[in-house]
Amino acid sequence: MSEQSIPDEGPAEDADALPEYAERVLEVAELIPPGRVMTYGDVAEWLEEGGPRQVGRVMALYGGAVPWWRVVRADGALLPGHELRALDRYRAEGTPLKEASRAAQGHLPRLDMGRARWDGGERADTHT
């Protein structure tokens, strides 16, 4: 299997159906509590299938309907092209951030991965 390809379950019966792997990735994204994040690699480990690139590909293709800003790069950098939208979400949810240094490109903060990373241990609050 190519590093870029999504694990294939064979031909889909319904052309509009998501690949099974994509459904599983999106389900994990929906489990991540507000104010917390998982890396692409964390999601792949949780699923015990694929890797960071496969998860990233699923999120790029199908992630718009789930809290996509909670699945992030391991270095805590904001997703290029979506930085300001994600930053608004992080601030609204109280996601821990590290303020950018003056030398940082665009002076954008990074996620504080030590505090924001979710290991899946505690579940999201079910009452809103």
N, C-alpha and C. Protein backbone atom coordinates (compact mmCIF):
# COMPACT_ATOMS: atom_id res chain seq x y z
N MET A 1 0.85 -1.17 0.00
CA MET A 1 0.00 0.00 0.00
C MET A 1 0.89 1.24 0.00
N SER A 2 0.55 2.17 -0.84
CA SER A 2 1.28 3.42 -0.92
C SER A 2 1.07 4.21 0.36
N GLU A 3 2.07 4.99 0.74
CA GLU A 3 1.95 5.80 1.95
C GLU A 3 0.84 6.82 1.80
N GLN A 4 0.55 7.24 0.56
CA GLN A 4 -0.45 8.26 0.31
C GLN A 4 -1.87 7.70 0.21
N SER A 5 -2.01 6.42 -0.03
CA SER A 5 -3.34 5.88 -0.29
C SER A 5 -4.10 5.59 1.00
N ILE A 6 -5.41 5.72 0.90
CA ILE A 6 -6.29 5.37 2.00
C ILE A 6 -6.51 3.87 1.93
N PRO A 7 -6.39 3.15 3.05
CA PRO A 7 -6.62 1.71 2.99
C PRO A 7 -7.95 1.42 2.30
N ASP A 8 -7.89 0.51 1.32
CA ASP A 8 -9.03 0.24 0.46
C ASP A 8 -9.82 -0.95 0.95
N GLU A 9 -11.11 -0.80 0.98
CA GLU A 9 -11.99 -1.88 1.38
C GLU A 9 -12.62 -2.56 0.17
N GLY A 10 -12.15 -2.22 -1.03
CA GLY A 10 -12.75 -2.76 -2.24
C GLY A 10 -13.76 -1.77 -2.78
N PRO A 11 -14.43 -2.12 -3.89
CA PRO A 11 -15.37 -1.18 -4.49
C PRO A 11 -16.55 -0.89 -3.58
N ALA A 12 -16.92 0.36 -3.51
CA ALA A 12 -18.06 0.76 -2.68
C ALA A 12 -19.35 0.43 -3.41
N GLU A 13 -20.33 -0.04 -2.66
CA GLU A 13 -21.63 -0.33 -3.25
C GLU A 13 -22.34 0.96 -3.62
N ASP A 14 -22.20 1.99 -2.81
CA ASP A 14 -22.82 3.28 -3.05
C ASP A 14 -21.70 4.26 -3.39
N ALA A 15 -21.78 4.87 -4.57
CA ALA A 15 -20.71 5.77 -5.01
C ALA A 15 -20.52 6.95 -4.07
N ASP A 16 -21.58 7.34 -3.33
CA ASP A 16 -21.49 8.47 -2.40
C ASP A 16 -21.01 8.05 -1.01
N ALA A 17 -20.87 6.76 -0.77
CA ALA A 17 -20.47 6.27 0.55
C ALA A 17 -19.00 6.58 0.81
N LEU A 18 -18.71 6.92 2.06
CA LEU A 18 -17.33 7.14 2.46
C LEU A 18 -16.61 5.80 2.55
N PRO A 19 -15.33 5.78 2.20
CA PRO A 19 -14.57 4.56 2.48
C PRO A 19 -14.62 4.26 3.99
N GLU A 20 -14.63 3.00 4.34
CA GLU A 20 -14.74 2.58 5.75
C GLU A 20 -13.65 3.22 6.60
N TYR A 21 -12.42 3.26 6.09
CA TYR A 21 -11.32 3.87 6.85
C TYR A 21 -11.62 5.35 7.11
N ALA A 22 -12.12 6.06 6.12
CA ALA A 22 -12.44 7.48 6.29
C ALA A 22 -13.52 7.66 7.36
N GLU A 23 -14.53 6.82 7.36
CA GLU A 23 -15.57 6.89 8.39
C GLU A 23 -14.97 6.73 9.78
N ARG A 24 -14.05 5.79 9.90
CA ARG A 24 -13.42 5.55 11.21
C ARG A 24 -12.59 6.75 11.65
N VAL A 25 -11.83 7.34 10.73
CA VAL A 25 -11.03 8.53 11.07
C VAL A 25 -11.95 9.66 11.53
N LEU A 26 -13.03 9.89 10.81
CA LEU A 26 -13.95 10.97 11.15
C LEU A 26 -14.63 10.71 12.49
N GLU A 27 -14.92 9.46 12.80
CA GLU A 27 -15.51 9.12 14.11
C GLU A 27 -14.55 9.47 15.24
N VAL A 28 -13.26 9.22 15.05
CA VAL A 28 -12.27 9.57 16.08
C VAL A 28 -12.22 11.09 16.24
N ALA A 29 -12.22 11.82 15.13
CA ALA A 29 -12.18 13.29 15.21
C ALA A 29 -13.36 13.81 16.02
N GLU A 30 -14.52 13.18 15.89
CA GLU A 30 -15.70 13.62 16.63
C GLU A 30 -15.62 13.29 18.12
N LEU A 31 -14.78 12.34 18.50
CA LEU A 31 -14.61 11.97 19.91
C LEU A 31 -13.74 12.96 20.68
N ILE A 32 -12.89 13.69 19.99
CA ILE A 32 -11.93 14.58 20.65
C ILE A 32 -12.69 15.71 21.34
N PRO A 33 -12.50 15.86 22.65
CA PRO A 33 -13.24 16.90 23.38
C PRO A 33 -12.83 18.31 22.95
N PRO A 34 -13.74 19.27 23.08
CA PRO A 34 -13.38 20.67 22.83
C PRO A 34 -12.19 21.06 23.69
N GLY A 35 -11.29 21.84 23.10
CA GLY A 35 -10.11 22.29 23.83
C GLY A 35 -8.97 21.30 23.82
N ARG A 36 -9.14 20.17 23.17
CA ARG A 36 -8.10 19.14 23.09
C ARG A 36 -7.83 18.81 21.63
N VAL A 37 -6.69 18.16 21.35
CA VAL A 37 -6.32 17.79 19.98
C VAL A 37 -5.68 16.42 19.97
N MET A 38 -5.68 15.80 18.81
CA MET A 38 -4.90 14.59 18.54
C MET A 38 -4.11 14.85 17.26
N THR A 39 -2.93 14.28 17.18
CA THR A 39 -2.16 14.40 15.96
C THR A 39 -2.67 13.39 14.93
N TYR A 40 -2.27 13.59 13.69
CA TYR A 40 -2.61 12.64 12.64
C TYR A 40 -2.11 11.25 13.03
N GLY A 41 -0.91 11.18 13.57
CA GLY A 41 -0.34 9.90 14.00
C GLY A 41 -1.10 9.29 15.16
N ASP A 42 -1.57 10.13 16.09
CA ASP A 42 -2.37 9.64 17.23
C ASP A 42 -3.63 8.95 16.72
N VAL A 43 -4.28 9.56 15.74
CA VAL A 43 -5.52 8.98 15.19
C VAL A 43 -5.22 7.64 14.55
N ALA A 44 -4.13 7.57 13.78
CA ALA A 44 -3.76 6.29 13.14
C ALA A 44 -3.46 5.23 14.20
N GLU A 45 -2.77 5.60 15.27
CA GLU A 45 -2.49 4.65 16.36
C GLU A 45 -3.77 4.19 17.02
N TRP A 46 -4.70 5.11 17.25
CA TRP A 46 -5.98 4.79 17.87
C TRP A 46 -6.70 3.74 17.03
N LEU A 47 -6.66 3.92 15.71
CA LEU A 47 -7.34 3.01 14.79
C LEU A 47 -6.56 1.72 14.54
N GLU A 48 -5.27 1.74 14.89
CA GLU A 48 -4.37 0.62 14.63
C GLU A 48 -4.34 0.28 13.14
N GLU A 49 -4.39 1.34 12.32
CA GLU A 49 -4.35 1.17 10.87
C GLU A 49 -3.91 2.48 10.24
N GLY A 50 -3.18 2.37 9.13
CA GLY A 50 -2.75 3.56 8.41
C GLY A 50 -1.66 4.29 9.16
N GLY A 51 -1.44 5.51 8.74
CA GLY A 51 -0.42 6.35 9.35
C GLY A 51 -0.84 7.80 9.24
N PRO A 52 0.04 8.71 9.66
CA PRO A 52 -0.30 10.14 9.65
C PRO A 52 -0.72 10.65 8.28
N ARG A 53 -0.06 10.20 7.24
CA ARG A 53 -0.41 10.69 5.90
C ARG A 53 -1.79 10.24 5.47
N GLN A 54 -2.14 9.01 5.79
CA GLN A 54 -3.47 8.53 5.43
C GLN A 54 -4.55 9.31 6.18
N VAL A 55 -4.31 9.55 7.47
CA VAL A 55 -5.27 10.32 8.26
C VAL A 55 -5.36 11.74 7.70
N GLY A 56 -4.24 12.34 7.38
CA GLY A 56 -4.24 13.69 6.80
C GLY A 56 -5.01 13.74 5.49
N ARG A 57 -4.85 12.72 4.68
CA ARG A 57 -5.58 12.65 3.41
C ARG A 57 -7.09 12.56 3.65
N VAL A 58 -7.49 11.73 4.58
CA VAL A 58 -8.92 11.62 4.91
C VAL A 58 -9.44 12.97 5.38
N MET A 59 -8.71 13.63 6.27
CA MET A 59 -9.17 14.91 6.79
C MET A 59 -9.25 15.95 5.68
N ALA A 60 -8.30 15.94 4.75
CA ALA A 60 -8.32 16.89 3.65
C ALA A 60 -9.52 16.66 2.73
N LEU A 61 -9.85 15.41 2.49
CA LEU A 61 -10.94 15.08 1.56
C LEU A 61 -12.32 15.15 2.20
N TYR A 62 -12.43 14.72 3.46
CA TYR A 62 -13.74 14.51 4.06
C TYR A 62 -13.96 15.22 5.40
N GLY A 63 -12.96 15.90 5.91
CA GLY A 63 -13.01 16.39 7.29
C GLY A 63 -13.84 17.63 7.55
N GLY A 64 -14.39 18.25 6.52
CA GLY A 64 -15.11 19.50 6.72
C GLY A 64 -16.34 19.41 7.61
N ALA A 65 -16.92 18.23 7.75
CA ALA A 65 -18.15 18.08 8.53
C ALA A 65 -17.90 17.70 9.99
N VAL A 66 -16.64 17.53 10.36
CA VAL A 66 -16.28 17.17 11.73
C VAL A 66 -15.35 18.26 12.29
N PRO A 67 -15.04 18.23 13.58
CA PRO A 67 -14.14 19.25 14.14
C PRO A 67 -12.69 19.04 13.66
N TRP A 68 -12.45 19.38 12.42
CA TRP A 68 -11.16 19.17 11.74
C TRP A 68 -10.00 19.85 12.45
N TRP A 69 -10.26 20.96 13.13
CA TRP A 69 -9.20 21.71 13.81
C TRP A 69 -8.63 20.94 15.01
N ARG A 70 -9.28 19.88 15.41
CA ARG A 70 -8.80 19.08 16.54
C ARG A 70 -7.86 17.95 16.11
N VAL A 71 -7.65 17.77 14.83
CA VAL A 71 -6.69 16.78 14.31
C VAL A 71 -5.57 17.60 13.68
N VAL A 72 -4.37 17.50 14.26
CA VAL A 72 -3.32 18.48 13.99
C VAL A 72 -1.96 17.84 13.70
N ARG A 73 -1.05 18.70 13.29
CA ARG A 73 0.35 18.29 13.10
C ARG A 73 1.01 18.08 14.47
N ALA A 74 1.95 17.18 14.51
CA ALA A 74 2.62 16.84 15.77
C ALA A 74 3.43 18.01 16.34
N ASP A 75 3.87 18.94 15.48
CA ASP A 75 4.68 20.05 15.98
C ASP A 75 3.83 21.20 16.53
N GLY A 76 2.51 21.08 16.45
CA GLY A 76 1.63 22.10 16.99
C GLY A 76 1.41 23.30 16.08
N ALA A 77 2.01 23.28 14.88
CA ALA A 77 1.81 24.37 13.93
C ALA A 77 0.38 24.33 13.39
N LEU A 78 -0.19 25.50 13.18
CA LEU A 78 -1.55 25.57 12.66
C LEU A 78 -1.56 25.16 11.19
N LEU A 79 -2.66 24.57 10.77
CA LEU A 79 -2.80 24.04 9.43
C LEU A 79 -2.67 25.16 8.39
N PRO A 80 -1.67 25.09 7.51
CA PRO A 80 -1.48 26.13 6.50
C PRO A 80 -2.73 26.33 5.65
N GLY A 81 -3.11 27.58 5.49
CA GLY A 81 -4.29 27.92 4.72
C GLY A 81 -5.56 28.00 5.55
N HIS A 82 -5.50 27.47 6.77
CA HIS A 82 -6.67 27.47 7.65
C HIS A 82 -6.33 28.01 9.03
N GLU A 83 -5.20 28.69 9.13
CA GLU A 83 -4.70 29.12 10.43
C GLU A 83 -5.68 29.99 11.21
N LEU A 84 -6.25 30.99 10.56
CA LEU A 84 -7.10 31.93 11.28
C LEU A 84 -8.43 31.30 11.68
N ARG A 85 -8.99 30.47 10.81
CA ARG A 85 -10.24 29.77 11.16
C ARG A 85 -9.99 28.84 12.34
N ALA A 86 -8.88 28.10 12.29
CA ALA A 86 -8.56 27.18 13.38
C ALA A 86 -8.29 27.96 14.67
N LEU A 87 -7.55 29.04 14.57
CA LEU A 87 -7.22 29.84 15.75
C LEU A 87 -8.48 30.36 16.43
N ASP A 88 -9.46 30.80 15.65
CA ASP A 88 -10.73 31.23 16.23
C ASP A 88 -11.38 30.10 17.02
N ARG A 89 -11.34 28.88 16.46
CA ARG A 89 -11.93 27.71 17.14
C ARG A 89 -11.17 27.40 18.42
N TYR A 90 -9.82 27.42 18.34
CA TYR A 90 -9.02 27.10 19.52
C TYR A 90 -9.30 28.09 20.64
N ARG A 91 -9.38 29.35 20.30
CA ARG A 91 -9.63 30.37 21.33
C ARG A 91 -11.03 30.20 21.92
N ALA A 92 -12.01 29.91 21.08
CA ALA A 92 -13.38 29.72 21.57
C ALA A 92 -13.49 28.50 22.49
N GLU A 93 -12.70 27.47 22.22
CA GLU A 93 -12.75 26.24 23.01
C GLU A 93 -11.78 26.24 24.19
N GLY A 94 -10.92 27.23 24.26
CA GLY A 94 -9.94 27.28 25.34
C GLY A 94 -8.79 26.30 25.15
N THR A 95 -8.46 25.98 23.91
CA THR A 95 -7.35 25.06 23.62
C THR A 95 -6.04 25.74 24.00
N PRO A 96 -5.17 25.06 24.77
CA PRO A 96 -3.90 25.67 25.17
C PRO A 96 -3.02 26.02 23.96
N LEU A 97 -2.54 27.25 23.95
CA LEU A 97 -1.69 27.75 22.87
C LEU A 97 -0.39 28.28 23.45
N LYS A 98 0.64 28.26 22.62
CA LYS A 98 1.91 28.91 22.96
C LYS A 98 2.01 30.14 22.06
N GLU A 99 2.17 31.28 22.68
CA GLU A 99 2.26 32.51 21.88
C GLU A 99 3.50 32.46 21.00
N ALA A 100 3.37 33.04 19.84
CA ALA A 100 4.45 33.05 18.86
C ALA A 100 5.52 34.05 19.25
N SER A 101 6.74 33.71 18.91
CA SER A 101 7.82 34.68 19.09
C SER A 101 7.74 35.70 17.97
N ARG A 102 8.38 36.81 18.14
CA ARG A 102 8.37 37.84 17.10
C ARG A 102 9.02 37.36 15.82
N ALA A 103 9.89 36.37 15.94
CA ALA A 103 10.58 35.84 14.76
C ALA A 103 9.71 34.85 13.99
N ALA A 104 8.64 34.37 14.60
CA ALA A 104 7.78 33.37 13.96
C ALA A 104 7.06 33.99 12.76
N GLN A 105 7.03 33.24 11.68
CA GLN A 105 6.37 33.72 10.48
C GLN A 105 4.89 33.99 10.76
N GLY A 106 4.45 35.20 10.47
CA GLY A 106 3.07 35.58 10.68
C GLY A 106 2.70 35.80 12.13
N HIS A 107 3.63 35.60 13.04
CA HIS A 107 3.41 35.77 14.48
C HIS A 107 2.21 34.96 14.98
N LEU A 108 1.96 33.80 14.39
CA LEU A 108 0.85 32.95 14.82
C LEU A 108 1.30 32.04 15.94
N PRO A 109 0.43 31.84 16.92
CA PRO A 109 0.78 30.91 18.00
C PRO A 109 0.79 29.48 17.50
N ARG A 110 1.31 28.59 18.31
CA ARG A 110 1.26 27.15 18.06
C ARG A 110 0.42 26.54 19.16
N LEU A 111 -0.04 25.35 18.90
CA LEU A 111 -0.73 24.60 19.95
C LEU A 111 0.28 24.21 21.02
N ASP A 112 -0.12 24.26 22.26
CA ASP A 112 0.71 23.76 23.35
C ASP A 112 0.42 22.26 23.45
N MET A 113 1.19 21.47 22.71
CA MET A 113 0.91 20.05 22.57
C MET A 113 0.99 19.31 23.90
N GLY A 114 1.83 19.76 24.80
CA GLY A 114 1.95 19.11 26.10
C GLY A 114 0.66 19.19 26.92
N ARG A 115 -0.07 20.27 26.74
CA ARG A 115 -1.31 20.45 27.49
C ARG A 115 -2.57 20.16 26.67
N ALA A 116 -2.50 20.34 25.35
CA ALA A 116 -3.69 20.20 24.51
C ALA A 116 -3.91 18.78 24.00
N ARG A 117 -2.86 17.99 23.96
CA ARG A 117 -2.96 16.65 23.35
C ARG A 117 -3.86 15.73 24.17
N TRP A 118 -4.77 15.07 23.47
CA TRP A 118 -5.71 14.14 24.09
C TRP A 118 -5.29 12.73 23.75
N ASP A 119 -5.22 11.89 24.77
CA ASP A 119 -4.78 10.50 24.54
C ASP A 119 -5.96 9.54 24.41
N GLY A 120 -7.17 10.09 24.46
CA GLY A 120 -8.34 9.23 24.34
C GLY A 120 -8.76 8.62 25.66
N GLY A 121 -8.06 8.95 26.73
CA GLY A 121 -8.35 8.34 28.03
C GLY A 121 -9.66 8.78 28.62
N GLU A 122 -9.87 10.08 28.71
CA GLU A 122 -11.15 10.55 29.23
C GLU A 122 -12.02 10.90 28.03
N ARG A 123 -13.28 10.64 28.15
CA ARG A 123 -14.21 10.86 27.03
C ARG A 123 -14.75 12.27 27.07
N ALA A 124 -15.18 12.74 25.92
CA ALA A 124 -15.78 14.06 25.82
C ALA A 124 -17.05 14.12 26.66
N ASP A 125 -17.31 15.27 27.20
CA ASP A 125 -18.55 15.49 27.95
C ASP A 125 -19.74 15.29 27.02
N THR A 126 -20.71 14.53 27.44
CA THR A 126 -21.85 14.25 26.57
C THR A 126 -22.97 15.26 26.72
N HIS A 127 -22.91 16.11 27.74
CA HIS A 127 -23.95 17.13 27.86
C HIS A 127 -23.38 18.48 27.48
N THR A 128 -24.17 19.20 26.71
CA THR A 128 -23.71 20.49 26.19
C THR A 128 -24.46 21.63 26.82
